[in-house]
Protein backbone atom coordinates (compact mmCIF):
# COMPACT_ATOMS: atom_id res chain seq x y z
CA MET A 1 2.24 27.44 -11.56
CA ASN A 2 5.79 28.18 -12.65
CA SER A 3 8.19 25.54 -11.31
CA LYS A 4 10.47 28.25 -9.88
CA THR A 5 7.82 30.19 -7.94
CA PRO A 6 7.99 30.05 -4.14
CA GLY A 7 4.71 28.11 -4.04
CA ALA A 8 6.01 25.45 -6.42
CA ILE A 9 9.26 25.17 -4.48
CA ARG A 10 7.36 24.76 -1.20
CA ALA A 11 5.14 22.12 -2.80
CA ARG A 12 8.16 20.14 -4.03
CA ARG A 13 9.77 20.38 -0.59
CA ALA A 14 6.56 19.17 1.06
CA ILE A 15 6.35 16.24 -1.34
CA LEU A 16 9.98 15.35 -0.67
CA MET A 17 9.49 15.55 3.11
CA LEU A 18 6.39 13.37 2.91
CA TYR A 19 8.32 10.88 0.77
CA LEU A 20 11.21 10.79 3.25
CA CYS A 21 8.90 10.41 6.25
CA TYR A 22 7.09 7.48 4.68
CA ASN A 23 10.33 5.96 3.44
CA LYS A 24 11.60 5.69 7.03
CA LYS A 25 8.54 3.71 8.05
CA LEU A 26 8.05 1.34 5.12
CA LEU A 27 7.09 -1.58 7.31
CA GLN A 28 4.65 0.40 9.46
CA LYS A 29 2.90 2.81 7.13
CA GLY A 30 3.03 1.43 3.60
CA VAL A 31 5.19 2.71 0.79
CA ALA A 32 5.35 6.11 -0.85
CA ILE A 33 7.03 6.39 -4.24
CA MET A 34 7.90 9.77 -5.71
CA ALA A 35 7.38 9.94 -9.47
CA GLU A 36 7.14 13.09 -11.56
CA GLN A 37 6.36 15.36 -8.58
CA LYS A 38 3.60 13.01 -7.39
CA ILE A 39 3.61 10.64 -4.48
CA LEU A 40 2.09 7.23 -5.00
CA PHE A 41 1.15 5.76 -1.64
CA PHE A 42 0.64 2.03 -1.25
CA PRO A 43 -1.11 1.10 2.01
CA PRO A 44 -0.01 -2.11 3.70
CA TYR A 45 -3.22 -4.05 2.93
CA ARG A 46 -5.52 -4.14 -0.12
CA LEU A 47 -8.60 -6.33 -0.59
CA VAL A 48 -10.83 -6.76 -3.65
CA ALA A 49 -14.51 -7.68 -3.49
CA GLU A 50 -17.36 -8.24 -5.92
CA PHE A 51 -20.82 -7.21 -4.81
CA ALA A 52 -24.35 -8.31 -5.69
CA ASP A 53 -24.76 -5.30 -8.02
CA GLY A 54 -21.81 -6.54 -10.13
CA LYS A 55 -19.31 -3.90 -8.95
CA ARG A 56 -15.76 -5.05 -8.22
CA LEU A 57 -13.98 -2.65 -5.84
CA THR A 58 -10.70 -2.51 -3.93
CA PHE A 59 -10.38 -1.51 -0.28
CA ASP A 60 -7.19 -0.27 1.38
CA GLY A 61 -6.23 -0.20 5.02
CA MET A 62 -3.36 0.26 7.38
CA THR A 63 -4.45 -3.09 8.84
CA GLU A 64 -6.25 -6.00 7.23
CA ALA A 65 -9.15 -5.45 9.64
CA ALA A 66 -9.49 -1.81 8.51
CA ALA A 67 -9.62 -2.87 4.84
CA ALA A 68 -12.20 -5.55 5.69
CA ALA A 69 -14.31 -3.03 7.65
CA ALA A 70 -14.35 -0.65 4.68
CA MET A 71 -15.34 -3.55 2.43
CA GLU A 72 -18.18 -4.56 4.74
CA ALA A 73 -19.41 -0.96 4.98
CA ALA A 74 -19.75 -0.85 1.18
CA GLN A 75 -22.47 -3.52 1.38
CA ASP A 76 -24.98 -0.80 2.29
CA GLN A 77 -24.52 0.76 -1.14
CA HIS A 78 -23.67 -2.26 -3.34
CA GLY A 79 -25.47 -5.22 -1.75
CA ASP A 80 -24.01 -8.42 -0.34
CA ILE A 81 -20.41 -9.45 -0.99
CA VAL A 82 -20.33 -12.25 -3.58
CA TRP A 83 -16.63 -12.96 -3.06
CA TYR A 84 -13.50 -11.23 -1.77
CA ASP A 85 -9.77 -11.88 -1.71
CA GLY A 86 -6.45 -10.16 -1.17
CA VAL A 87 -5.14 -8.28 -4.21
CA THR A 88 -2.24 -9.85 -6.09
CA ASP A 89 -0.49 -7.55 -8.55
CA GLU A 90 2.87 -5.85 -9.05
CA HIS A 91 2.78 -4.34 -5.53
CA TYR A 92 0.71 -6.83 -3.50
CA GLU A 93 0.66 -10.55 -2.87
CA SER A 94 -2.54 -11.94 -1.35
CA GLY A 95 -3.44 -8.46 -0.10
CA VAL A 96 -0.13 -7.73 1.64
CA LEU A 97 2.28 -5.14 0.30
CA HIS A 98 5.49 -6.81 -0.96
CA HIS A 99 7.64 -4.43 1.11
CA MET A 100 5.95 -5.72 4.27
CA THR A 101 6.99 -9.31 3.65
CA PRO A 102 10.24 -10.09 5.47
CA ASP A 103 13.14 -11.46 3.50
CA PRO A 104 13.47 -15.24 3.69
CA PRO A 105 16.21 -16.67 5.91
CA PHE A 106 19.40 -17.70 4.17
CA ILE A 107 22.52 -19.66 4.99
CA ASP A 108 25.80 -17.79 4.70
CA PRO A 109 28.13 -20.11 2.77
CA ASP A 110 31.24 -18.59 4.40
CA SER A 111 30.21 -19.07 8.02
CA ASN A 112 27.58 -21.79 7.48
CA ASN A 113 25.22 -19.79 9.76
CA MET A 114 21.56 -19.13 9.11
CA HIS A 115 20.58 -15.44 8.95
CA VAL A 116 17.02 -14.40 9.58
């Protein structure tokens, strides 16, 4: 598809609108990052589990319970869960998206007040 055709222009606009909609709700809906005309969506919670068949899979969810439910449902196909944990990588810490973690409180040196 030529990048100047009406279809390509509509696709880029749709991607941009999706990006802007998600960007407004970072704390509620995860994070969408626009890169090279693609949107990378990071859900708020991500768990990793290893199963009895040796597979190691990740499970995403808008809530931790949703990610855990998807992980438990995979037992039908892969056997019992050997272990599971929250993912820790460049985007997640213990299964929680970095952007969902509130900033730590700090003391303003000028007013000597704590800001939360």
